[in-house]
Amino acid sequence: MIEVKKKEGETIGNLIRRFSQKIKESGVLMRARSNKFKNRPLSDLNKKKIAIIRINRKKRLEYLKKLGKIE
């Protein structure tokens, strides 16, 4: 955790500026931003659903090829 204590005679603006610089130097903000878009791993049920969709799509494609509708 990052702490910045106010010095004597220091303005609030300077205190905030020092705090932001400490945050940037520590890399906390960059880690938080990178974790923002991380994907969670798929559950087993979702993996099975995706596999079933893929199998059905493949069967449909083979069926249409057999009929001569697609090449």
N, C-alpha and C. Protein backbone atom coordinates (compact mmCIF):
# COMPACT_ATOMS: atom_id res chain seq x y z
N MET A 1 0.85 -1.17 0.00
CA MET A 1 0.00 0.00 0.00
C MET A 1 0.89 1.23 0.00
N ILE A 2 0.48 2.20 -0.75
CA ILE A 2 1.27 3.41 -0.90
C ILE A 2 0.71 4.50 0.01
N GLU A 3 1.60 5.10 0.80
CA GLU A 3 1.19 6.18 1.70
C GLU A 3 2.01 7.42 1.38
N VAL A 4 1.33 8.55 1.40
CA VAL A 4 2.00 9.84 1.22
C VAL A 4 1.48 10.74 2.33
N LYS A 5 2.39 11.23 3.15
CA LYS A 5 1.98 12.12 4.24
C LYS A 5 2.24 13.56 3.83
N LYS A 6 1.34 14.41 4.26
CA LYS A 6 1.45 15.82 3.92
C LYS A 6 2.59 16.48 4.69
N LYS A 7 3.41 17.21 3.95
CA LYS A 7 4.51 17.93 4.59
C LYS A 7 4.00 19.31 5.01
N GLU A 8 4.76 19.95 5.89
CA GLU A 8 4.35 21.28 6.34
C GLU A 8 4.39 22.27 5.19
N GLY A 9 3.34 23.03 5.05
CA GLY A 9 3.28 24.06 4.02
C GLY A 9 3.01 23.51 2.62
N GLU A 10 2.72 22.23 2.50
CA GLU A 10 2.49 21.64 1.18
C GLU A 10 1.01 21.79 0.81
N THR A 11 0.76 22.15 -0.44
CA THR A 11 -0.63 22.31 -0.88
C THR A 11 -1.21 20.94 -1.21
N ILE A 12 -2.52 20.91 -1.28
CA ILE A 12 -3.22 19.67 -1.62
C ILE A 12 -2.86 19.23 -3.04
N GLY A 13 -2.71 20.19 -3.95
CA GLY A 13 -2.33 19.88 -5.33
C GLY A 13 -0.99 19.16 -5.41
N ASN A 14 0.00 19.67 -4.64
CA ASN A 14 1.31 19.02 -4.62
C ASN A 14 1.24 17.63 -4.00
N LEU A 15 0.42 17.49 -2.98
CA LEU A 15 0.27 16.19 -2.32
C LEU A 15 -0.32 15.16 -3.30
N ILE A 16 -1.33 15.58 -4.02
CA ILE A 16 -1.95 14.68 -5.01
C ILE A 16 -0.96 14.33 -6.12
N ARG A 17 -0.16 15.32 -6.55
CA ARG A 17 0.83 15.09 -7.59
C ARG A 17 1.88 14.08 -7.12
N ARG A 18 2.34 14.21 -5.89
CA ARG A 18 3.32 13.28 -5.34
C ARG A 18 2.74 11.87 -5.24
N PHE A 19 1.47 11.81 -4.82
CA PHE A 19 0.80 10.51 -4.71
C PHE A 19 0.70 9.84 -6.08
N SER A 20 0.28 10.61 -7.10
CA SER A 20 0.16 10.02 -8.44
C SER A 20 1.51 9.54 -8.96
N GLN A 21 2.57 10.27 -8.68
CA GLN A 21 3.91 9.85 -9.12
C GLN A 21 4.30 8.54 -8.43
N LYS A 22 4.00 8.41 -7.14
CA LYS A 22 4.32 7.17 -6.42
C LYS A 22 3.56 5.99 -7.00
N ILE A 23 2.29 6.23 -7.35
CA ILE A 23 1.47 5.18 -7.94
C ILE A 23 2.07 4.73 -9.27
N LYS A 24 2.46 5.69 -10.11
CA LYS A 24 3.05 5.36 -11.41
C LYS A 24 4.36 4.60 -11.25
N GLU A 25 5.20 5.02 -10.32
CA GLU A 25 6.49 4.38 -10.10
C GLU A 25 6.33 2.95 -9.57
N SER A 26 5.32 2.72 -8.76
CA SER A 26 5.17 1.40 -8.15
C SER A 26 4.60 0.38 -9.14
N GLY A 27 3.89 0.83 -10.18
CA GLY A 27 3.33 -0.10 -11.16
C GLY A 27 1.99 -0.67 -10.77
N VAL A 28 1.39 -0.18 -9.70
CA VAL A 28 0.10 -0.68 -9.24
C VAL A 28 -0.98 -0.42 -10.30
N LEU A 29 -0.95 0.76 -10.86
CA LEU A 29 -1.96 1.14 -11.85
C LEU A 29 -1.85 0.28 -13.10
N MET A 30 -0.63 0.01 -13.56
CA MET A 30 -0.44 -0.80 -14.76
C MET A 30 -0.93 -2.23 -14.53
N ARG A 31 -0.67 -2.78 -13.34
CA ARG A 31 -1.15 -4.14 -13.05
C ARG A 31 -2.67 -4.17 -13.02
N ALA A 32 -3.29 -3.17 -12.43
CA ALA A 32 -4.75 -3.12 -12.36
C ALA A 32 -5.35 -3.01 -13.75
N ARG A 33 -4.75 -2.20 -14.60
CA ARG A 33 -5.26 -2.05 -15.96
C ARG A 33 -5.07 -3.32 -16.77
N SER A 34 -3.97 -4.03 -16.57
CA SER A 34 -3.75 -5.26 -17.34
C SER A 34 -4.70 -6.37 -16.88
N ASN A 35 -5.03 -6.40 -15.60
CA ASN A 35 -5.95 -7.42 -15.09
C ASN A 35 -7.39 -7.15 -15.49
N LYS A 36 -7.68 -5.96 -15.93
CA LYS A 36 -9.04 -5.57 -16.26
C LYS A 36 -9.62 -6.42 -17.39
N PHE A 37 -8.78 -6.83 -18.33
CA PHE A 37 -9.27 -7.53 -19.51
C PHE A 37 -8.88 -9.00 -19.54
N LYS A 38 -8.46 -9.55 -18.43
CA LYS A 38 -8.11 -10.97 -18.39
C LYS A 38 -9.38 -11.80 -18.50
N ASN A 39 -9.29 -12.89 -19.25
CA ASN A 39 -10.44 -13.78 -19.40
C ASN A 39 -10.35 -14.92 -18.40
N ARG A 40 -11.47 -15.25 -17.82
CA ARG A 40 -11.52 -16.38 -16.91
C ARG A 40 -11.52 -17.66 -17.72
N PRO A 41 -10.98 -18.76 -17.20
CA PRO A 41 -11.01 -20.03 -17.93
C PRO A 41 -12.45 -20.53 -18.05
N LEU A 42 -12.73 -21.23 -19.15
CA LEU A 42 -14.08 -21.74 -19.37
C LEU A 42 -14.38 -22.89 -18.41
N SER A 43 -15.63 -22.98 -18.00
CA SER A 43 -16.04 -24.09 -17.14
C SER A 43 -16.19 -25.33 -18.01
N ASP A 44 -16.26 -26.49 -17.38
CA ASP A 44 -16.38 -27.75 -18.12
C ASP A 44 -17.68 -27.78 -18.92
N LEU A 45 -18.75 -27.26 -18.34
CA LEU A 45 -20.04 -27.25 -19.04
C LEU A 45 -19.96 -26.40 -20.30
N ASN A 46 -19.33 -25.24 -20.22
CA ASN A 46 -19.21 -24.39 -21.40
C ASN A 46 -18.33 -25.03 -22.46
N LYS A 47 -17.27 -25.74 -22.04
CA LYS A 47 -16.42 -26.44 -23.00
C LYS A 47 -17.22 -27.50 -23.74
N LYS A 48 -18.08 -28.21 -23.02
CA LYS A 48 -18.91 -29.26 -23.64
C LYS A 48 -19.90 -28.64 -24.62
N LYS A 49 -20.51 -27.51 -24.24
CA LYS A 49 -21.46 -26.85 -25.13
C LYS A 49 -20.78 -26.41 -26.43
N ILE A 50 -19.59 -25.85 -26.31
CA ILE A 50 -18.85 -25.40 -27.49
C ILE A 50 -18.48 -26.59 -28.36
N ALA A 51 -18.10 -27.72 -27.74
CA ALA A 51 -17.74 -28.92 -28.49
C ALA A 51 -18.96 -29.45 -29.25
N ILE A 52 -20.12 -29.45 -28.61
CA ILE A 52 -21.35 -29.93 -29.27
C ILE A 52 -21.69 -29.04 -30.45
N ILE A 53 -21.57 -27.74 -30.29
CA ILE A 53 -21.84 -26.81 -31.39
C ILE A 53 -20.90 -27.08 -32.54
N ARG A 54 -19.62 -27.30 -32.24
CA ARG A 54 -18.62 -27.56 -33.27
C ARG A 54 -18.93 -28.86 -34.02
N ILE A 55 -19.33 -29.90 -33.30
CA ILE A 55 -19.66 -31.19 -33.92
C ILE A 55 -20.89 -31.05 -34.81
N ASN A 56 -21.91 -30.35 -34.32
CA ASN A 56 -23.13 -30.15 -35.11
C ASN A 56 -22.84 -29.34 -36.37
N ARG A 57 -21.99 -28.33 -36.25
CA ARG A 57 -21.63 -27.52 -37.41
C ARG A 57 -20.91 -28.37 -38.46
N LYS A 58 -20.03 -29.24 -38.00
CA LYS A 58 -19.29 -30.11 -38.91
C LYS A 58 -20.23 -31.09 -39.61
N LYS A 59 -21.19 -31.67 -38.87
CA LYS A 59 -22.17 -32.58 -39.46
C LYS A 59 -23.01 -31.87 -40.51
N ARG A 60 -23.43 -30.65 -40.21
CA ARG A 60 -24.25 -29.87 -41.14
C ARG A 60 -23.46 -29.57 -42.41
N LEU A 61 -22.18 -29.23 -42.27
CA LEU A 61 -21.33 -28.95 -43.41
C LEU A 61 -21.17 -30.19 -44.30
N GLU A 62 -20.94 -31.35 -43.68
CA GLU A 62 -20.81 -32.60 -44.44
C GLU A 62 -22.11 -32.93 -45.16
N TYR A 63 -23.24 -32.69 -44.51
CA TYR A 63 -24.54 -32.95 -45.11
C TYR A 63 -24.76 -32.07 -46.34
N LEU A 64 -24.44 -30.78 -46.22
CA LEU A 64 -24.61 -29.87 -47.35
C LEU A 64 -23.65 -30.21 -48.50
N LYS A 65 -22.45 -30.67 -48.17
CA LYS A 65 -21.52 -31.10 -49.22
C LYS A 65 -22.06 -32.32 -49.94
N LYS A 66 -22.66 -33.24 -49.20
CA LYS A 66 -23.23 -34.46 -49.78
C LYS A 66 -24.37 -34.10 -50.74
N LEU A 67 -25.15 -33.10 -50.38
CA LEU A 67 -26.27 -32.68 -51.24
C LEU A 67 -25.76 -31.88 -52.46
N GLY A 68 -24.55 -31.40 -52.39
CA GLY A 68 -23.99 -30.61 -53.50
C GLY A 68 -24.33 -29.14 -53.40
N LYS A 69 -24.79 -28.68 -52.27
CA LYS A 69 -25.15 -27.27 -52.11
C LYS A 69 -23.92 -26.40 -51.90
N ILE A 70 -22.86 -26.98 -51.32
CA ILE A 70 -21.60 -26.24 -51.17
C ILE A 70 -20.45 -27.15 -51.60
N GLU A 71 -19.36 -26.55 -51.91
CA GLU A 71 -18.20 -27.36 -52.34
C GLU A 71 -17.17 -27.47 -51.26
